[in-house]
N, C-alpha and C. Protein backbone atom coordinates (compact mmCIF):
# COMPACT_ATOMS: atom_id res chain seq x y z
N MET A 1 98.94 -86.11 131.55
CA MET A 1 99.94 -86.86 132.31
C MET A 1 101.29 -86.18 132.12
N PRO A 2 102.07 -86.08 133.20
CA PRO A 2 103.38 -85.44 133.08
C PRO A 2 104.33 -86.25 132.21
N PRO A 3 105.26 -85.58 131.58
CA PRO A 3 106.25 -86.30 130.77
C PRO A 3 107.12 -87.19 131.65
N MET A 4 107.47 -88.34 131.14
CA MET A 4 108.31 -89.26 131.89
C MET A 4 109.76 -89.09 131.46
N SER A 5 110.65 -89.19 132.42
CA SER A 5 112.07 -89.07 132.13
C SER A 5 112.58 -90.37 131.51
N LYS A 6 113.41 -90.25 130.51
CA LYS A 6 113.99 -91.43 129.87
C LYS A 6 115.50 -91.49 130.08
N THR A 7 116.02 -90.57 130.88
CA THR A 7 117.46 -90.54 131.10
C THR A 7 117.83 -91.49 132.23
N PRO A 8 119.03 -92.04 132.20
CA PRO A 8 119.45 -92.93 133.28
C PRO A 8 119.67 -92.15 134.57
N ARG A 9 119.48 -92.83 135.68
CA ARG A 9 119.69 -92.19 136.98
C ARG A 9 121.15 -91.77 137.10
N ARG A 10 121.38 -90.51 137.44
CA ARG A 10 122.75 -90.00 137.55
C ARG A 10 122.94 -89.12 138.76
N CYS A 11 121.95 -89.01 139.60
CA CYS A 11 122.04 -88.11 140.75
C CYS A 11 122.61 -88.84 141.96
N ALA A 12 123.59 -88.24 142.55
CA ALA A 12 124.14 -88.79 143.79
C ALA A 12 123.26 -88.40 144.97
N THR A 13 122.71 -87.19 144.92
CA THR A 13 121.84 -86.70 145.97
C THR A 13 120.41 -87.03 145.59
N ARG A 14 119.74 -87.84 146.43
CA ARG A 14 118.40 -88.27 146.08
C ARG A 14 117.42 -87.96 147.21
N THR A 15 117.53 -86.77 147.75
CA THR A 15 116.59 -86.34 148.79
C THR A 15 115.33 -85.79 148.14
N LEU A 16 114.26 -85.66 148.93
CA LEU A 16 113.03 -85.05 148.39
C LEU A 16 113.30 -83.64 147.90
N SER A 17 114.08 -82.90 148.66
CA SER A 17 114.41 -81.53 148.26
C SER A 17 115.07 -81.52 146.89
N HIS A 18 115.99 -82.44 146.66
CA HIS A 18 116.67 -82.52 145.37
C HIS A 18 115.69 -82.94 144.26
N ILE A 19 114.92 -83.99 144.52
CA ILE A 19 114.00 -84.50 143.50
C ILE A 19 112.99 -83.42 143.10
N TRP A 20 112.43 -82.73 144.08
CA TRP A 20 111.37 -81.76 143.80
C TRP A 20 111.89 -80.38 143.42
N GLY A 21 113.21 -80.20 143.48
CA GLY A 21 113.72 -78.87 143.21
C GLY A 21 114.79 -78.77 142.14
N GLN A 22 115.76 -79.69 142.15
CA GLN A 22 116.90 -79.53 141.25
C GLN A 22 117.17 -80.71 140.33
N CYS A 23 116.51 -81.81 140.53
CA CYS A 23 116.84 -83.04 139.81
C CYS A 23 116.61 -82.90 138.30
N GLU A 24 117.68 -83.08 137.54
CA GLU A 24 117.59 -83.00 136.08
C GLU A 24 116.77 -84.16 135.51
N GLU A 25 116.75 -85.29 136.23
CA GLU A 25 116.04 -86.47 135.73
C GLU A 25 114.53 -86.23 135.64
N VAL A 26 113.99 -85.40 136.51
CA VAL A 26 112.55 -85.13 136.50
C VAL A 26 112.24 -83.66 136.23
N LYS A 27 113.18 -82.98 135.58
CA LYS A 27 113.03 -81.55 135.30
C LYS A 27 111.77 -81.25 134.48
N ASP A 28 111.50 -82.06 133.45
CA ASP A 28 110.30 -81.85 132.64
C ASP A 28 109.03 -82.01 133.48
N MET A 29 109.06 -82.95 134.39
CA MET A 29 107.90 -83.16 135.28
C MET A 29 107.73 -81.97 136.22
N SER A 30 108.84 -81.40 136.65
CA SER A 30 108.79 -80.22 137.52
C SER A 30 108.16 -79.04 136.78
N SER A 31 108.57 -78.84 135.54
CA SER A 31 107.99 -77.77 134.72
C SER A 31 106.50 -78.01 134.48
N PHE A 32 106.14 -79.26 134.22
CA PHE A 32 104.74 -79.62 134.01
C PHE A 32 103.91 -79.30 135.25
N ARG A 33 104.43 -79.68 136.43
CA ARG A 33 103.73 -79.41 137.70
C ARG A 33 103.48 -77.92 137.85
N HIS A 34 104.52 -77.13 137.63
CA HIS A 34 104.41 -75.67 137.73
C HIS A 34 103.37 -75.13 136.75
N ASP A 35 103.46 -75.57 135.49
CA ASP A 35 102.55 -75.07 134.46
C ASP A 35 101.10 -75.44 134.75
N GLU A 36 100.87 -76.61 135.32
CA GLU A 36 99.51 -77.02 135.66
C GLU A 36 98.91 -76.12 136.74
N VAL A 37 99.71 -75.74 137.72
CA VAL A 37 99.24 -74.82 138.76
C VAL A 37 98.89 -73.47 138.13
N VAL A 38 99.74 -72.98 137.26
CA VAL A 38 99.49 -71.70 136.57
C VAL A 38 98.17 -71.78 135.79
N LYS A 39 97.95 -72.91 135.09
CA LYS A 39 96.72 -73.07 134.30
C LYS A 39 95.47 -73.06 135.17
N VAL A 40 95.53 -73.69 136.33
CA VAL A 40 94.37 -73.71 137.23
C VAL A 40 94.04 -72.30 137.69
N ILE A 41 95.06 -71.55 138.09
CA ILE A 41 94.83 -70.17 138.55
C ILE A 41 94.25 -69.34 137.41
N ALA A 42 94.83 -69.43 136.22
CA ALA A 42 94.34 -68.66 135.07
C ALA A 42 92.90 -69.04 134.73
N ARG A 43 92.61 -70.33 134.74
CA ARG A 43 91.25 -70.80 134.42
C ARG A 43 90.23 -70.18 135.36
N GLU A 44 90.55 -70.18 136.65
CA GLU A 44 89.60 -69.64 137.62
C GLU A 44 89.44 -68.13 137.48
N LEU A 45 90.54 -67.43 137.26
CA LEU A 45 90.45 -65.98 137.11
C LEU A 45 89.65 -65.60 135.86
N ARG A 46 89.79 -66.37 134.80
CA ARG A 46 89.08 -66.07 133.55
C ARG A 46 87.57 -66.27 133.66
N LYS A 47 87.11 -66.94 134.70
CA LYS A 47 85.67 -67.10 134.92
C LYS A 47 85.01 -65.78 135.30
N GLU A 48 85.79 -64.88 135.85
CA GLU A 48 85.27 -63.56 136.24
C GLU A 48 85.48 -62.59 135.10
N ASP A 49 84.46 -61.86 134.74
CA ASP A 49 84.54 -60.94 133.61
C ASP A 49 85.39 -59.71 133.90
N LYS A 50 85.78 -59.51 135.15
CA LYS A 50 86.52 -58.28 135.47
C LYS A 50 88.02 -58.38 135.18
N TRP A 51 88.52 -59.58 134.85
CA TRP A 51 89.96 -59.77 134.65
C TRP A 51 90.30 -60.00 133.19
N GLU A 52 91.49 -59.55 132.83
CA GLU A 52 92.15 -60.00 131.60
C GLU A 52 93.39 -60.74 132.09
N VAL A 53 93.51 -62.00 131.73
CA VAL A 53 94.60 -62.85 132.24
C VAL A 53 95.45 -63.35 131.07
N THR A 54 96.75 -63.14 131.16
CA THR A 54 97.66 -63.68 130.15
C THR A 54 98.69 -64.57 130.82
N ILE A 55 99.07 -65.63 130.11
CA ILE A 55 100.09 -66.57 130.58
C ILE A 55 101.34 -66.36 129.74
N GLU A 56 102.46 -66.17 130.42
CA GLU A 56 103.78 -66.01 129.78
C GLU A 56 103.77 -64.97 128.66
N GLU A 57 103.18 -63.84 128.94
CA GLU A 57 103.19 -62.72 127.99
C GLU A 57 104.60 -62.14 127.94
N ARG A 58 105.17 -62.04 126.76
CA ARG A 58 106.52 -61.50 126.63
C ARG A 58 106.50 -60.00 126.86
N THR A 59 107.37 -59.54 127.76
CA THR A 59 107.45 -58.11 128.09
C THR A 59 108.43 -57.42 127.14
N ALA A 60 108.46 -56.10 127.19
CA ALA A 60 109.37 -55.32 126.33
C ALA A 60 110.83 -55.71 126.57
N GLU A 61 111.14 -56.12 127.80
CA GLU A 61 112.53 -56.50 128.11
C GLU A 61 112.80 -57.98 127.88
N GLY A 62 111.83 -58.70 127.32
CA GLY A 62 112.04 -60.10 126.96
C GLY A 62 111.74 -61.10 128.06
N LEU A 63 111.19 -60.66 129.18
CA LEU A 63 110.82 -61.57 130.26
C LEU A 63 109.45 -62.18 129.97
N LYS A 64 109.16 -63.30 130.64
CA LYS A 64 107.85 -63.95 130.47
C LYS A 64 107.28 -64.30 131.85
N PRO A 65 106.70 -63.31 132.54
CA PRO A 65 106.08 -63.66 133.83
C PRO A 65 104.97 -64.68 133.61
N ASP A 66 104.81 -65.59 134.56
CA ASP A 66 103.82 -66.65 134.41
C ASP A 66 102.43 -66.10 134.17
N LEU A 67 102.01 -65.15 134.99
CA LEU A 67 100.67 -64.58 134.87
C LEU A 67 100.72 -63.06 134.97
N ILE A 68 99.99 -62.40 134.10
CA ILE A 68 99.71 -60.99 134.29
C ILE A 68 98.19 -60.89 134.35
N VAL A 69 97.71 -60.36 135.46
CA VAL A 69 96.27 -60.23 135.69
C VAL A 69 95.95 -58.75 135.69
N ARG A 70 95.10 -58.35 134.77
CA ARG A 70 94.73 -56.94 134.65
C ARG A 70 93.24 -56.79 134.95
N MET A 71 92.90 -55.82 135.79
CA MET A 71 91.49 -55.49 135.96
C MET A 71 91.07 -54.73 134.70
N LYS A 72 89.93 -55.08 134.16
CA LYS A 72 89.48 -54.45 132.91
C LYS A 72 89.24 -52.96 133.07
N ASP A 73 88.96 -52.50 134.31
CA ASP A 73 88.76 -51.06 134.53
C ASP A 73 90.08 -50.31 134.71
N LYS A 74 91.20 -51.04 134.59
CA LYS A 74 92.56 -50.48 134.66
C LYS A 74 92.93 -49.88 136.02
N THR A 75 92.24 -50.29 137.08
CA THR A 75 92.63 -49.79 138.39
C THR A 75 93.83 -50.54 138.95
N LYS A 76 93.88 -51.86 138.74
CA LYS A 76 94.96 -52.67 139.32
C LYS A 76 95.44 -53.73 138.32
N ALA A 77 96.70 -54.11 138.50
CA ALA A 77 97.28 -55.22 137.74
C ALA A 77 98.23 -55.98 138.66
N TRP A 78 98.33 -57.27 138.42
CA TRP A 78 99.21 -58.14 139.20
C TRP A 78 100.14 -58.89 138.26
N ILE A 79 101.40 -58.94 138.62
CA ILE A 79 102.37 -59.79 137.95
C ILE A 79 102.62 -60.92 138.94
N ILE A 80 102.24 -62.13 138.55
CA ILE A 80 102.30 -63.26 139.47
C ILE A 80 103.21 -64.33 138.87
N ASP A 81 104.21 -64.71 139.64
CA ASP A 81 105.19 -65.69 139.19
C ASP A 81 105.25 -66.83 140.21
N PRO A 82 104.36 -67.83 140.08
CA PRO A 82 104.36 -68.92 141.06
C PRO A 82 105.68 -69.69 141.09
N THR A 83 106.02 -70.12 142.29
CA THR A 83 107.22 -70.91 142.54
C THR A 83 106.82 -72.11 143.37
N ILE A 84 107.35 -73.29 143.03
CA ILE A 84 107.11 -74.49 143.83
C ILE A 84 108.45 -74.94 144.38
N ARG A 85 108.52 -74.98 145.70
CA ARG A 85 109.78 -75.33 146.38
C ARG A 85 109.51 -76.38 147.45
N MET A 86 110.57 -77.02 147.88
CA MET A 86 110.43 -78.03 148.93
C MET A 86 109.95 -77.41 150.23
N GLY A 87 110.59 -76.36 150.64
CA GLY A 87 110.25 -75.70 151.89
C GLY A 87 110.89 -74.34 151.93
N THR A 88 110.43 -73.51 152.83
CA THR A 88 110.97 -72.17 152.92
C THR A 88 110.62 -71.56 154.26
N THR A 89 111.27 -70.47 154.57
CA THR A 89 110.98 -69.73 155.79
C THR A 89 110.32 -68.41 155.40
N ALA A 90 109.84 -67.68 156.39
CA ALA A 90 109.23 -66.37 156.13
C ALA A 90 110.25 -65.44 155.48
N ASP A 91 111.51 -65.53 155.93
CA ASP A 91 112.56 -64.69 155.33
C ASP A 91 112.79 -65.05 153.87
N ASP A 92 112.78 -66.36 153.56
CA ASP A 92 112.95 -66.79 152.17
C ASP A 92 111.83 -66.22 151.30
N THR A 93 110.61 -66.29 151.80
CA THR A 93 109.46 -65.78 151.05
C THR A 93 109.63 -64.30 150.77
N ARG A 94 110.04 -63.55 151.77
CA ARG A 94 110.25 -62.11 151.60
C ARG A 94 111.35 -61.84 150.57
N ILE A 95 112.46 -62.57 150.69
CA ILE A 95 113.59 -62.40 149.78
C ILE A 95 113.19 -62.73 148.34
N HIS A 96 112.47 -63.85 148.15
CA HIS A 96 112.05 -64.24 146.80
C HIS A 96 111.09 -63.21 146.21
N ASN A 97 110.21 -62.67 147.05
CA ASN A 97 109.27 -61.66 146.55
C ASN A 97 110.03 -60.39 146.14
N GLU A 98 111.02 -60.00 146.94
CA GLU A 98 111.83 -58.82 146.59
C GLU A 98 112.58 -59.04 145.27
N GLU A 99 113.08 -60.27 145.07
CA GLU A 99 113.76 -60.59 143.80
C GLU A 99 112.81 -60.44 142.62
N LYS A 100 111.58 -60.93 142.78
CA LYS A 100 110.59 -60.81 141.70
C LYS A 100 110.24 -59.35 141.45
N GLU A 101 110.13 -58.57 142.53
CA GLU A 101 109.82 -57.14 142.36
C GLU A 101 110.91 -56.44 141.56
N ARG A 102 112.17 -56.77 141.84
CA ARG A 102 113.28 -56.19 141.06
C ARG A 102 113.24 -56.68 139.61
N LYS A 103 113.05 -57.97 139.46
CA LYS A 103 113.05 -58.58 138.12
C LYS A 103 111.97 -57.96 137.23
N TYR A 104 110.80 -57.71 137.79
CA TYR A 104 109.68 -57.23 136.99
C TYR A 104 109.37 -55.75 137.19
N SER A 105 110.34 -54.98 137.68
CA SER A 105 110.08 -53.55 137.92
C SER A 105 109.74 -52.82 136.62
N ARG A 106 110.44 -53.13 135.55
CA ARG A 106 110.14 -52.48 134.26
C ARG A 106 108.77 -52.91 133.72
N THR A 107 108.43 -54.16 133.95
CA THR A 107 107.11 -54.63 133.52
C THR A 107 106.03 -53.87 134.28
N GLY A 108 106.26 -53.63 135.56
CA GLY A 108 105.33 -52.81 136.34
C GLY A 108 105.22 -51.41 135.77
N ASP A 109 106.35 -50.85 135.38
CA ASP A 109 106.34 -49.51 134.76
C ASP A 109 105.55 -49.53 133.45
N GLU A 110 105.70 -50.60 132.67
CA GLU A 110 104.94 -50.73 131.42
C GLU A 110 103.43 -50.73 131.70
N LEU A 111 103.03 -51.48 132.73
CA LEU A 111 101.61 -51.55 133.07
C LEU A 111 101.09 -50.20 133.54
N ARG A 112 101.89 -49.49 134.33
CA ARG A 112 101.48 -48.14 134.76
C ARG A 112 101.35 -47.21 133.55
N ALA A 113 102.25 -47.37 132.58
CA ALA A 113 102.19 -46.56 131.36
C ALA A 113 100.92 -46.87 130.55
N GLU A 114 100.42 -48.11 130.68
CA GLU A 114 99.15 -48.49 130.03
C GLU A 114 97.95 -47.87 130.74
N GLY A 115 98.19 -47.29 131.92
CA GLY A 115 97.10 -46.63 132.64
C GLY A 115 96.68 -47.30 133.94
N PHE A 116 97.36 -48.39 134.32
CA PHE A 116 96.99 -49.05 135.58
C PHE A 116 97.44 -48.21 136.76
N GLN A 117 96.53 -47.99 137.70
CA GLN A 117 96.81 -47.13 138.84
C GLN A 117 97.71 -47.80 139.87
N ALA A 118 97.55 -49.09 140.05
CA ALA A 118 98.36 -49.84 141.02
C ALA A 118 98.81 -51.15 140.38
N VAL A 119 100.09 -51.47 140.57
CA VAL A 119 100.66 -52.70 140.03
C VAL A 119 101.34 -53.44 141.17
N PHE A 120 101.05 -54.73 141.29
CA PHE A 120 101.60 -55.56 142.36
C PHE A 120 102.38 -56.71 141.74
N VAL A 121 103.51 -57.04 142.36
CA VAL A 121 104.33 -58.17 141.91
C VAL A 121 104.35 -59.19 143.04
N HIS A 122 104.07 -60.46 142.69
CA HIS A 122 104.04 -61.51 143.71
C HIS A 122 104.80 -62.75 143.25
N ASP A 123 105.65 -63.25 144.13
CA ASP A 123 106.24 -64.57 144.00
C ASP A 123 105.29 -65.48 144.76
N LEU A 124 104.37 -66.10 144.07
CA LEU A 124 103.34 -66.93 144.70
C LEU A 124 103.95 -68.28 145.05
N TRP A 125 104.31 -68.45 146.33
CA TRP A 125 105.05 -69.63 146.77
C TRP A 125 104.11 -70.77 147.12
N PHE A 126 104.42 -71.95 146.58
CA PHE A 126 103.75 -73.20 146.92
C PHE A 126 104.81 -74.19 147.36
N GLY A 127 104.48 -75.02 148.34
CA GLY A 127 105.37 -76.09 148.73
C GLY A 127 105.08 -77.33 147.90
N ALA A 128 106.10 -78.11 147.62
CA ALA A 128 105.94 -79.32 146.82
C ALA A 128 105.01 -80.33 147.48
N ARG A 129 104.83 -80.19 148.81
CA ARG A 129 103.93 -81.08 149.54
C ARG A 129 102.55 -80.46 149.73
N GLY A 130 102.21 -79.48 148.90
CA GLY A 130 100.86 -78.93 148.92
C GLY A 130 100.64 -77.75 149.83
N VAL A 131 101.69 -77.21 150.41
CA VAL A 131 101.55 -76.07 151.31
C VAL A 131 101.47 -74.79 150.47
N ILE A 132 100.64 -73.85 150.91
CA ILE A 132 100.57 -72.54 150.28
C ILE A 132 100.89 -71.51 151.36
N SER A 133 101.77 -70.59 151.04
CA SER A 133 102.14 -69.57 152.03
C SER A 133 100.92 -68.74 152.40
N LYS A 134 100.93 -68.17 153.61
CA LYS A 134 99.82 -67.33 154.05
C LYS A 134 99.64 -66.14 153.12
N VAL A 135 100.75 -65.55 152.70
CA VAL A 135 100.70 -64.42 151.77
C VAL A 135 100.08 -64.87 150.45
N GLY A 136 100.49 -66.03 149.98
CA GLY A 136 99.96 -66.56 148.73
C GLY A 136 98.47 -66.87 148.82
N LEU A 137 98.07 -67.46 149.93
CA LEU A 137 96.65 -67.77 150.13
C LEU A 137 95.84 -66.48 150.18
N SER A 138 96.37 -65.49 150.84
CA SER A 138 95.70 -64.19 150.91
C SER A 138 95.56 -63.58 149.51
N LEU A 139 96.61 -63.68 148.70
CA LEU A 139 96.56 -63.17 147.33
C LEU A 139 95.49 -63.90 146.53
N LEU A 140 95.50 -65.23 146.58
CA LEU A 140 94.51 -66.00 145.83
C LEU A 140 93.09 -65.62 146.22
N ARG A 141 92.86 -65.50 147.51
CA ARG A 141 91.52 -65.13 147.99
C ARG A 141 91.14 -63.72 147.56
N SER A 142 92.11 -62.79 147.59
CA SER A 142 91.81 -61.41 147.18
C SER A 142 91.46 -61.33 145.69
N LEU A 143 91.94 -62.29 144.91
CA LEU A 143 91.62 -62.34 143.49
C LEU A 143 90.35 -63.15 143.21
N GLY A 144 89.73 -63.66 144.27
CA GLY A 144 88.48 -64.39 144.11
C GLY A 144 88.62 -65.88 143.90
N ILE A 145 89.80 -66.42 144.13
CA ILE A 145 89.99 -67.87 144.02
C ILE A 145 89.34 -68.53 145.23
N ASN A 146 88.39 -69.43 144.98
CA ASN A 146 87.64 -70.03 146.09
C ASN A 146 88.38 -71.21 146.72
N GLN A 147 87.84 -71.67 147.84
CA GLN A 147 88.48 -72.73 148.62
C GLN A 147 88.58 -74.04 147.83
N SER A 148 87.57 -74.36 147.05
CA SER A 148 87.64 -75.63 146.30
C SER A 148 88.77 -75.59 145.27
N THR A 149 89.05 -74.43 144.70
CA THR A 149 90.16 -74.31 143.76
C THR A 149 91.50 -74.40 144.49
N VAL A 150 91.58 -73.80 145.68
CA VAL A 150 92.79 -73.92 146.49
C VAL A 150 93.05 -75.39 146.79
N GLU A 151 92.00 -76.13 147.16
CA GLU A 151 92.14 -77.55 147.44
C GLU A 151 92.54 -78.32 146.18
N GLU A 152 92.01 -77.91 145.03
CA GLU A 152 92.41 -78.54 143.76
C GLU A 152 93.91 -78.35 143.51
N ILE A 153 94.41 -77.16 143.79
CA ILE A 153 95.84 -76.88 143.61
C ILE A 153 96.67 -77.74 144.57
N VAL A 154 96.23 -77.84 145.82
CA VAL A 154 96.93 -78.66 146.81
C VAL A 154 97.00 -80.11 146.34
N CYS A 155 95.87 -80.66 145.90
CA CYS A 155 95.84 -82.05 145.42
C CYS A 155 96.72 -82.24 144.19
N LEU A 156 96.69 -81.27 143.30
CA LEU A 156 97.52 -81.32 142.10
C LEU A 156 99.00 -81.35 142.47
N LEU A 157 99.40 -80.48 143.40
CA LEU A 157 100.79 -80.46 143.85
C LEU A 157 101.20 -81.80 144.45
N LEU A 158 100.36 -82.33 145.32
CA LEU A 158 100.67 -83.62 145.96
C LEU A 158 100.79 -84.73 144.93
N LYS A 159 99.83 -84.81 144.03
CA LYS A 159 99.81 -85.87 143.02
C LYS A 159 101.04 -85.79 142.11
N LEU A 160 101.34 -84.60 141.62
CA LEU A 160 102.45 -84.47 140.68
C LEU A 160 103.81 -84.58 141.37
N SER A 161 103.91 -84.09 142.60
CA SER A 161 105.16 -84.27 143.36
C SER A 161 105.39 -85.75 143.65
N HIS A 162 104.33 -86.47 143.98
CA HIS A 162 104.44 -87.91 144.23
C HIS A 162 104.88 -88.63 142.95
N SER A 163 104.32 -88.23 141.83
CA SER A 163 104.70 -88.82 140.55
C SER A 163 106.18 -88.59 140.25
N MET A 164 106.66 -87.39 140.55
CA MET A 164 108.09 -87.09 140.36
C MET A 164 108.94 -88.00 141.23
N TYR A 165 108.54 -88.16 142.49
CA TYR A 165 109.28 -89.01 143.42
C TYR A 165 109.33 -90.45 142.91
N CYS A 166 108.17 -90.97 142.51
CA CYS A 166 108.12 -92.36 142.05
C CYS A 166 108.93 -92.57 140.78
N THR A 167 108.90 -91.60 139.88
CA THR A 167 109.67 -91.69 138.64
C THR A 167 111.17 -91.70 138.93
N GLU A 168 111.60 -90.81 139.80
CA GLU A 168 113.03 -90.72 140.12
C GLU A 168 113.50 -91.97 140.85
N ARG A 169 112.65 -92.53 141.69
CA ARG A 169 113.04 -93.69 142.50
C ARG A 169 113.02 -94.99 141.70
N SER A 170 112.32 -95.02 140.58
CA SER A 170 112.20 -96.30 139.85
C SER A 170 113.39 -96.55 138.93
């Protein structure tokens, strides 16, 4: 169960976008929602023997990407940093992905130095209302995440976002 906020209501802006994105009153719940999505993805990837999956592995530069997925044969590696937002446009998705690529460029270099032939960086975007970007869905499928797991993530997002809304409104 997500942590419940015990702080008094102090937000003047009480829109869904605020509650699901910036509200300090439900910040712990927001982190919990994000972490649960990361855990589901990691759990599914670990079922396949071809991956080595780490969560929040500290890099040489002190960053902690949510997921680093390494193929055991060292051909490919992915740095995946899921984001849950209220809504976005195609341009926003592109911009956020470019930001992640810059942020984790040294981490990519580290992975190449370990012998990985190709390294990919992804800002895996999810909407707070259960939407998954086309690029994100394509990534999940390319990693072998099946439809039932995608649906599990969607339900998880809806359930936890609803819980955040109800907590903030009460």
